[in-house]
Protein backbone atom coordinates (compact mmCIF):
# COMPACT_ATOMS: atom_id res chain seq x y z
CA MET A 1 -1.56 3.01 17.40
CA ARG A 2 -2.53 -0.55 18.34
CA PRO A 3 -1.17 -3.36 16.17
CA ASN A 4 -3.73 -5.21 14.07
CA TYR A 5 -3.57 -8.87 15.06
CA PHE A 6 -6.09 -9.92 12.43
CA SER A 7 -4.27 -8.93 9.26
CA GLY A 8 -1.38 -10.07 7.10
CA LYS A 9 0.53 -13.15 8.21
CA ARG A 10 -1.23 -13.34 11.58
CA LEU A 11 -4.57 -13.63 9.80
CA GLN A 12 -3.23 -16.36 7.51
CA ILE A 13 -1.88 -18.39 10.44
CA LEU A 14 -5.15 -17.95 12.34
CA LEU A 15 -7.18 -19.14 9.35
CA HIS A 16 -4.96 -22.20 8.90
CA ILE A 17 -5.27 -23.10 12.60
CA LEU A 18 -9.04 -22.60 12.49
CA ALA A 19 -9.42 -24.75 9.36
CA TRP A 20 -7.33 -27.60 10.80
CA SER A 21 -9.15 -27.41 14.15
CA ILE A 22 -12.50 -27.81 12.42
CA PHE A 23 -11.04 -30.54 10.22
CA ILE A 24 -9.86 -32.47 13.30
CA VAL A 25 -12.83 -31.97 15.63
CA ILE A 26 -15.79 -32.58 13.30
CA PRO A 27 -14.91 -36.22 12.35
CA VAL A 28 -14.49 -37.12 16.03
CA PHE A 29 -17.85 -35.55 16.85
CA VAL A 30 -19.64 -37.26 13.95
CA LEU A 31 -18.04 -40.65 14.65
CA PHE A 32 -18.88 -40.82 18.33
CA VAL A 33 -22.27 -39.10 18.22
CA TYR A 34 -23.73 -40.54 15.03
CA GLY A 35 -21.35 -43.44 14.28
CA ASP A 36 -20.06 -46.58 15.94
CA GLY A 37 -16.87 -45.12 17.43
CA ASN A 38 -14.61 -47.19 15.20
CA LEU A 39 -11.12 -45.85 15.89
CA GLY A 40 -9.70 -47.68 12.90
CA ARG A 41 -11.93 -45.68 10.56
CA LEU A 42 -10.94 -42.49 12.37
CA GLY A 43 -7.25 -43.38 12.08
CA HIS A 44 -7.72 -44.01 8.35
CA PHE A 45 -9.30 -40.58 7.97
CA TYR A 46 -6.53 -38.78 9.84
CA THR A 47 -3.72 -40.53 7.98
CA ASN A 48 -5.30 -39.36 4.72
CA ALA A 49 -5.69 -35.86 6.16
CA VAL A 50 -2.04 -35.74 7.17
CA ALA A 51 -1.00 -36.99 3.72
CA PHE A 52 -3.01 -34.28 1.97
CA GLY A 53 -1.67 -31.72 4.44
CA VAL A 54 1.91 -32.71 3.57
CA ILE A 55 1.19 -32.26 -0.13
CA PHE A 56 -0.52 -28.91 0.46
CA TYR A 57 2.21 -27.36 2.61
CA MET A 58 5.14 -28.85 0.68
CA ASN A 59 3.77 -27.19 -2.41
CA TYR A 60 2.84 -23.96 -0.62
CA PHE A 61 6.09 -23.39 1.27
CA TYR A 62 8.70 -25.09 -0.90
CA LEU A 63 7.82 -26.18 -4.43
CA ALA A 64 5.82 -23.15 -5.58
CA PRO A 65 8.23 -20.47 -4.22
CA ARG A 66 11.40 -22.29 -5.29
CA TYR A 67 10.38 -23.57 -8.71
CA PHE A 68 7.06 -22.17 -9.98
CA PHE A 69 7.86 -18.52 -9.17
CA ASN A 70 11.42 -18.91 -10.47
CA GLN A 71 10.28 -19.89 -13.98
CA LYS A 72 11.18 -23.57 -13.49
CA LYS A 73 7.67 -24.79 -14.25
CA LEU A 74 8.54 -28.09 -15.94
CA LYS A 75 10.66 -29.12 -12.97
CA TYR A 76 7.88 -27.90 -10.66
CA PHE A 77 5.19 -30.10 -12.22
CA LEU A 78 7.51 -33.12 -12.27
CA LEU A 79 8.32 -32.67 -8.59
CA VAL A 80 4.62 -32.24 -7.74
CA ALA A 81 3.80 -35.49 -9.52
CA LEU A 82 6.69 -37.24 -7.72
CA LEU A 83 5.53 -35.87 -4.38
CA ILE A 84 1.98 -37.14 -4.91
CA LEU A 85 3.23 -40.59 -5.92
CA LEU A 86 5.61 -40.82 -2.95
CA VAL A 87 2.96 -39.74 -0.44
CA TYR A 88 0.48 -42.22 -1.93
CA LEU A 89 2.91 -45.14 -1.56
CA ILE A 90 3.70 -44.19 2.04
CA LEU A 91 0.00 -43.77 2.79
CA ARG A 92 -0.78 -47.26 1.49
CA GLN A 93 1.76 -48.74 3.91
CA ILE A 94 0.48 -46.68 6.85
CA ASP A 95 -3.15 -47.53 6.07
CA GLY A 96 -2.40 -51.24 6.17
CA TYR A 97 -0.45 -50.89 9.43
CA VAL A 98 -3.15 -48.79 11.13
CA PHE A 99 -5.93 -51.18 10.10
CA ARG A 100 -4.05 -54.24 11.36
CA LYS A 101 -3.07 -52.52 14.62
CA PHE A 102 -6.60 -51.47 15.54
CA ALA A 103 -8.03 -54.84 14.53
CA GLU A 104 -5.44 -56.72 16.61
CA GLU A 105 -6.01 -54.47 19.64
CA ALA A 106 -9.73 -55.15 19.31
CA GLY A 107 -8.99 -58.91 19.31
CA ASN A 108 -10.50 -59.32 15.89
CA ALA A 109 -8.08 -61.77 14.27
CA GLU A 110 -10.68 -62.69 11.69
CA SER A 111 -10.73 -59.09 10.40
CA VAL A 112 -6.96 -59.13 10.08
CA LYS A 113 -7.11 -62.39 8.15
CA ARG A 114 -9.76 -61.03 5.77
CA PHE A 115 -7.72 -57.81 5.28
CA LEU A 116 -4.56 -59.76 4.39
CA GLU A 117 -6.43 -62.01 1.97
CA ARG A 118 -8.15 -59.02 0.35
CA ASP A 119 -4.83 -57.19 0.09
CA ARG A 120 -3.30 -60.16 -1.76
CA LYS A 121 -6.30 -60.63 -4.08
CA VAL A 122 -7.21 -57.00 -4.60
CA ILE A 123 -8.66 -56.27 -8.02
CA PRO A 124 -6.23 -54.18 -10.18
CA THR A 125 -9.00 -51.79 -11.23
CA MET A 126 -9.66 -51.02 -7.55
CA VAL A 127 -6.01 -50.08 -7.06
CA ILE A 128 -6.22 -47.82 -10.08
CA PHE A 129 -9.43 -46.26 -8.79
CA ARG A 130 -7.88 -45.54 -5.39
CA PHE A 131 -4.82 -43.98 -6.97
CA VAL A 132 -6.86 -41.89 -9.43
CA ASN A 133 -9.11 -40.69 -6.59
CA PHE A 134 -6.07 -39.81 -4.48
CA PHE A 135 -4.32 -38.19 -7.45
CA PHE A 136 -7.21 -35.90 -8.39
CA THR A 137 -7.82 -34.92 -4.78
CA SER A 138 -4.12 -34.11 -4.47
CA VAL A 139 -4.18 -32.09 -7.71
CA LEU A 140 -7.09 -30.03 -6.37
CA LEU A 141 -5.15 -29.36 -3.17
CA VAL A 142 -2.02 -28.46 -5.14
CA GLY A 143 -4.07 -26.09 -7.28
CA PHE A 144 -5.60 -24.50 -4.20
CA SER A 145 -2.25 -24.10 -2.44
CA LEU A 146 -0.69 -22.72 -5.64
CA GLY A 147 -3.52 -20.22 -5.99
CA LEU A 148 -3.06 -19.18 -2.37
CA ALA A 149 0.70 -18.82 -2.91
CA VAL A 150 0.11 -16.71 -6.04
CA PHE A 151 -2.37 -14.52 -4.14
CA ASN A 152 0.14 -14.01 -1.32
CA ARG A 153 2.87 -13.21 -3.83
CA LEU A 154 0.63 -10.62 -5.53
CA GLU A 155 -0.24 -9.15 -2.14
CA MET A 156 3.45 -8.98 -1.24
CA ASN A 157 4.28 -7.36 -4.59
CA GLU A 158 1.49 -4.84 -4.09
CA LYS A 159 2.83 -4.03 -0.64
CA ARG A 160 6.34 -3.62 -2.07
CA GLN A 161 4.94 -1.41 -4.83
CA LYS A 162 3.23 0.79 -2.26
CA GLU A 163 6.49 1.06 -0.34
CA LEU A 164 8.28 2.07 -3.53
CA GLU A 165 5.57 4.62 -4.26
CA LYS A 166 5.94 5.98 -0.74
CA GLU A 167 9.69 6.25 -1.20
CA LYS A 168 9.12 8.00 -4.50
CA LEU A 169 6.63 10.32 -2.84
CA ASP A 170 9.15 11.12 -0.10
CA SER A 171 11.82 11.83 -2.70
CA GLU A 172 9.43 14.10 -4.61
CA LEU A 173 8.67 15.93 -1.37
CA ALA A 174 12.38 16.33 -0.70
CA PHE A 175 12.82 17.58 -4.26
CA LEU A 176 9.99 20.01 -3.73
CA LYS A 177 11.64 21.33 -0.55
CA ASN A 178 14.86 21.80 -2.46
CA GLN A 179 12.98 23.63 -5.19
CA VAL A 180 11.44 26.00 -2.67
CA SER A 181 14.64 26.65 -0.78
CA PRO A 182 17.71 27.88 -2.72
CA HIS A 183 16.55 30.74 -4.96
CA PHE A 184 13.90 31.82 -2.52
CA PHE A 185 16.31 32.05 0.40
CA PHE A 186 18.91 33.81 -1.71
CA ASN A 187 16.47 36.48 -2.95
CA THR A 188 14.85 36.89 0.47
CA LEU A 189 18.21 37.41 2.20
CA ASN A 190 19.05 40.07 -0.40
CA ASN A 191 15.74 41.81 0.30
CA ILE A 192 16.29 41.64 4.06
CA TYR A 193 19.78 43.04 3.61
CA SER A 194 18.29 46.00 1.74
CA LEU A 195 15.67 46.48 4.47
CA ILE A 196 18.25 46.71 7.23
CA GLY A 197 19.23 50.21 6.17
CA MET A 198 15.67 51.39 5.49
CA ASP A 199 13.41 49.63 8.03
CA THR A 200 15.17 47.77 10.83
CA ASN A 201 11.97 46.52 12.45
CA MET A 202 10.66 45.07 9.20
CA ALA A 203 14.05 43.48 8.56
CA GLN A 204 14.01 41.83 11.99
CA GLU A 205 10.46 40.62 11.45
CA SER A 206 11.42 39.21 8.04
CA VAL A 207 14.37 37.33 9.55
CA LEU A 208 12.03 35.82 12.15
CA LYS A 209 9.59 34.69 9.45
CA LEU A 210 12.42 33.25 7.42
CA SER A 211 13.66 31.26 10.43
CA LYS A 212 10.12 29.89 11.00
CA LEU A 213 9.88 28.92 7.36
CA MET A 214 13.26 27.17 7.48
CA ARG A 215 12.31 25.35 10.68
CA TYR A 216 9.12 24.10 9.02
CA LEU A 217 11.02 22.90 5.94
CA LEU A 218 13.73 21.20 7.96
CA TYR A 219 11.70 19.55 10.72
CA GLU A 220 7.92 19.54 10.46
CA SER A 221 7.76 18.57 6.79
CA GLU A 222 9.95 15.51 7.50
CA VAL A 223 7.15 13.83 9.47
CA GLY A 224 4.88 13.35 6.44
CA ARG A 225 1.79 14.83 8.12
CA THR A 226 1.20 18.26 9.57
CA LEU A 227 -1.68 20.30 10.91
CA LEU A 228 -3.56 22.52 8.50
CA SER A 229 -2.92 25.50 10.79
CA HIS A 230 0.85 24.92 10.51
CA GLU A 231 0.64 24.68 6.74
CA ILE A 232 -1.35 27.91 6.58
CA ASP A 233 1.20 29.68 8.80
CA PHE A 234 3.96 28.42 6.50
CA MET A 235 2.15 29.74 3.42
CA LYS A 236 1.53 33.10 5.10
CA ASN A 237 5.20 33.47 6.03
CA TYR A 238 6.21 32.46 2.53
CA ILE A 239 3.85 35.00 0.96
CA ASP A 240 4.96 37.78 3.33
CA LEU A 241 8.58 37.21 2.41
CA MET A 242 7.79 37.06 -1.31
CA ARG A 243 5.80 40.28 -0.90
CA LEU A 244 9.06 42.09 -0.16
CA ARG A 245 10.01 41.73 -3.82
CA LEU A 246 6.71 43.00 -5.24
CA SER A 247 6.21 46.46 -6.68
CA SER A 248 3.06 48.56 -6.43
CA ARG A 249 2.05 47.30 -9.88
CA VAL A 250 1.26 43.88 -8.42
CA GLU A 251 -2.11 43.36 -6.74
CA LEU A 252 -1.90 40.59 -4.12
CA LYS A 253 -5.07 39.19 -2.51
CA ILE A 254 -4.89 36.50 0.17
CA ASP A 255 -7.89 34.80 1.75
CA PHE A 256 -7.15 32.05 4.26
CA PRO A 257 -9.84 30.74 6.67
CA GLU A 258 -9.75 32.08 10.21
CA ARG A 259 -11.76 29.28 11.82
CA PHE A 260 -11.54 25.72 10.64
CA GLN A 261 -11.23 22.10 11.70
CA ASP A 262 -7.50 21.64 12.30
CA ILE A 263 -7.10 18.44 10.31
CA HIS A 264 -3.89 16.63 9.39
CA ILE A 265 -2.66 17.03 5.83
CA PRO A 266 0.57 16.28 3.92
CA PRO A 267 3.05 19.17 4.17
CA LEU A 268 3.94 21.46 1.26
CA LEU A 269 0.78 20.49 -0.59
CA PHE A 270 -0.10 23.92 -1.99
CA ILE A 271 3.25 25.67 -2.10
CA PRO A 272 4.07 24.65 -5.73
CA PHE A 273 1.06 26.63 -6.96
CA ILE A 274 1.89 29.65 -4.80
CA GLU A 275 5.57 29.57 -5.71
CA ASN A 276 4.82 29.53 -9.40
CA ALA A 277 2.16 32.19 -9.13
CA PHE A 278 4.91 34.52 -7.91
CA LYS A 279 7.35 33.15 -10.45
CA HIS A 280 5.11 33.47 -13.51
CA GLY A 281 2.40 35.92 -12.46
CA VAL A 282 4.43 39.03 -11.74
CA SER A 283 4.96 41.64 -14.44
CA TYR A 284 7.47 44.47 -13.96
CA SER A 285 6.19 46.50 -16.92
CA SER A 286 2.42 46.35 -16.49
CA GLN A 287 -0.32 45.72 -13.93
CA SER A 288 -0.50 42.16 -12.67
CA PHE A 289 -2.21 40.26 -9.88
CA ILE A 290 -2.09 37.15 -7.71
CA LEU A 291 -5.14 35.77 -5.89
CA ILE A 292 -4.79 32.97 -3.32
CA ARG A 293 -7.86 31.61 -1.57
CA MET A 294 -8.59 28.64 0.69
CA GLU A 295 -11.76 27.20 2.22
CA ALA A 296 -11.63 24.47 4.86
CA SER A 297 -14.30 22.31 6.44
CA GLU A 298 -14.25 19.02 8.31
CA HIS A 299 -14.79 16.96 5.16
CA GLU A 300 -13.42 19.09 2.34
CA LEU A 301 -10.51 21.37 1.57
CA ARG A 302 -10.64 23.83 -1.33
CA PHE A 303 -7.73 25.84 -2.68
CA GLU A 304 -7.62 28.33 -5.53
CA CYS A 305 -4.69 30.23 -6.99
CA VAL A 306 -5.16 32.68 -9.86
CA ASN A 307 -2.51 34.87 -11.40
CA SER A 308 -1.98 37.02 -14.45
CA MET A 309 0.52 35.90 -17.05
CA GLY A 310 3.58 37.94 -16.21
CA ASP A 311 6.71 38.82 -18.18
CA SER A 312 8.26 35.37 -17.68
CA SER A 313 5.16 33.49 -18.81
CA ALA A 314 3.83 32.60 -22.20
CA PRO A 315 0.33 31.37 -23.16
CA ASP A 316 1.75 27.97 -24.11
CA ASP A 317 3.95 27.63 -21.06
CA GLY A 318 3.52 23.95 -20.36
CA GLN A 319 5.78 23.95 -17.29
CA HIS A 320 3.96 26.61 -15.35
CA SER A 321 4.39 24.67 -12.13
CA GLY A 322 7.86 24.73 -10.57
CA ILE A 323 8.10 20.95 -10.33
CA GLY A 324 5.61 20.55 -13.16
CA LEU A 325 1.86 20.07 -12.83
CA GLU A 326 2.32 16.45 -13.81
CA ASN A 327 4.46 15.79 -10.73
CA VAL A 328 1.96 17.60 -8.50
CA GLN A 329 -0.82 15.42 -9.91
CA LYS A 330 1.23 12.28 -9.27
CA ARG A 331 1.67 13.31 -5.67
CA LEU A 332 -2.05 13.95 -5.29
CA ARG A 333 -2.88 10.58 -6.85
CA LEU A 334 -0.65 8.84 -4.33
CA LEU A 335 -1.88 10.84 -1.35
CA PHE A 336 -5.60 11.10 -2.18
CA PRO A 337 -6.63 8.40 -4.68
CA GLU A 338 -10.11 9.22 -6.02
CA GLN A 339 -10.48 11.90 -3.34
CA TYR A 340 -9.35 15.01 -5.15
CA GLN A 341 -10.25 17.16 -8.15
CA LEU A 342 -7.61 19.35 -9.76
CA LYS A 343 -8.67 21.85 -12.40
CA VAL A 344 -6.09 23.88 -14.35
CA GLU A 345 -7.07 26.61 -16.81
CA ASN A 346 -4.87 28.84 -18.93
CA ASP A 347 -6.50 31.29 -21.35
CA GLY A 348 -3.30 33.15 -22.16
CA LYS A 349 -4.11 36.04 -19.82
CA GLU A 350 -4.80 34.24 -16.55
CA PHE A 351 -3.57 31.01 -15.06
CA ARG A 352 -6.05 29.39 -12.68
CA VAL A 353 -5.59 26.37 -10.42
CA GLY A 354 -8.49 24.91 -8.43
CA LEU A 355 -7.96 22.01 -6.06
CA ALA A 356 -10.69 20.29 -4.03
CA ILE A 357 -9.79 17.45 -1.65
CA ARG A 358 -12.32 15.24 0.11
CA MET A 359 -10.94 14.56 3.57
CA SER A 360 -11.92 11.11 4.87
């Protein structure tokens, strides 16, 4: 998988470089193509640009993260005001120096004299106007940089939240594997032990299926994605081993697709429904049934599991699913947001689960 060079921090750096490049080049172009090429005016523009840049990045990288996001807002606003005032005073000194330097290099002593006289006799209201203009421009830049910092913080928090959700999803998957494993393996080994004396070939075949199932649980499901064909093989092996415990009173119907697009899916996606169909749908005193069906296409995956309410189930059994239907739904919401439809029906006689997933 190729790294994306136009996302995240790289994109931010690229946008900053692009913005400053345009900011630097356009005034030069305008001055020399449409203006008089006055370098003093250009120097004045760039000193102001650098001053505003200092305010922007000081707030973005230091003041906002250290004070605003740490609930020290009064101190933050005081430091912002102090920063603007300090930069303004330094800028006034630099402006005067740049103007005099360019005027002297141009041999225009008269301009220097007029500048010095004007600087001594400058009208107070003009000073106030310059400061107010600089202050409000600086406030706009501070607001923009603060908004950008807040946006980045929200984006970072969202990324962290997704990582936490992924960790939670992985832990739920591990929990699900642990739910499938202990009792199932214990009962299956007991069944295989009984088969050894009655049907050696079937016992050997059952051991082989059990080893495949264990290998899938231990290795393939750790990756986070698996092929649909592997998941179907896992479900078939699981069902075959569970079948060893069934009596003739239980009707078991399985319908998995033979030909399908072998897409990647999360592992152990359907096993909670199958596990609990065997757990709650088997009656040892009356006729019962389990129906498991799947349809697969390139763009959609459909799964249905229907079972009778067995001896261990009750019509109001709210925890019909081994890890709980609520946990299964959480996993689906994380894996397929707005791409799935889960329908659960319980009429007291049958328990029906229908799951449709739109594969993007």
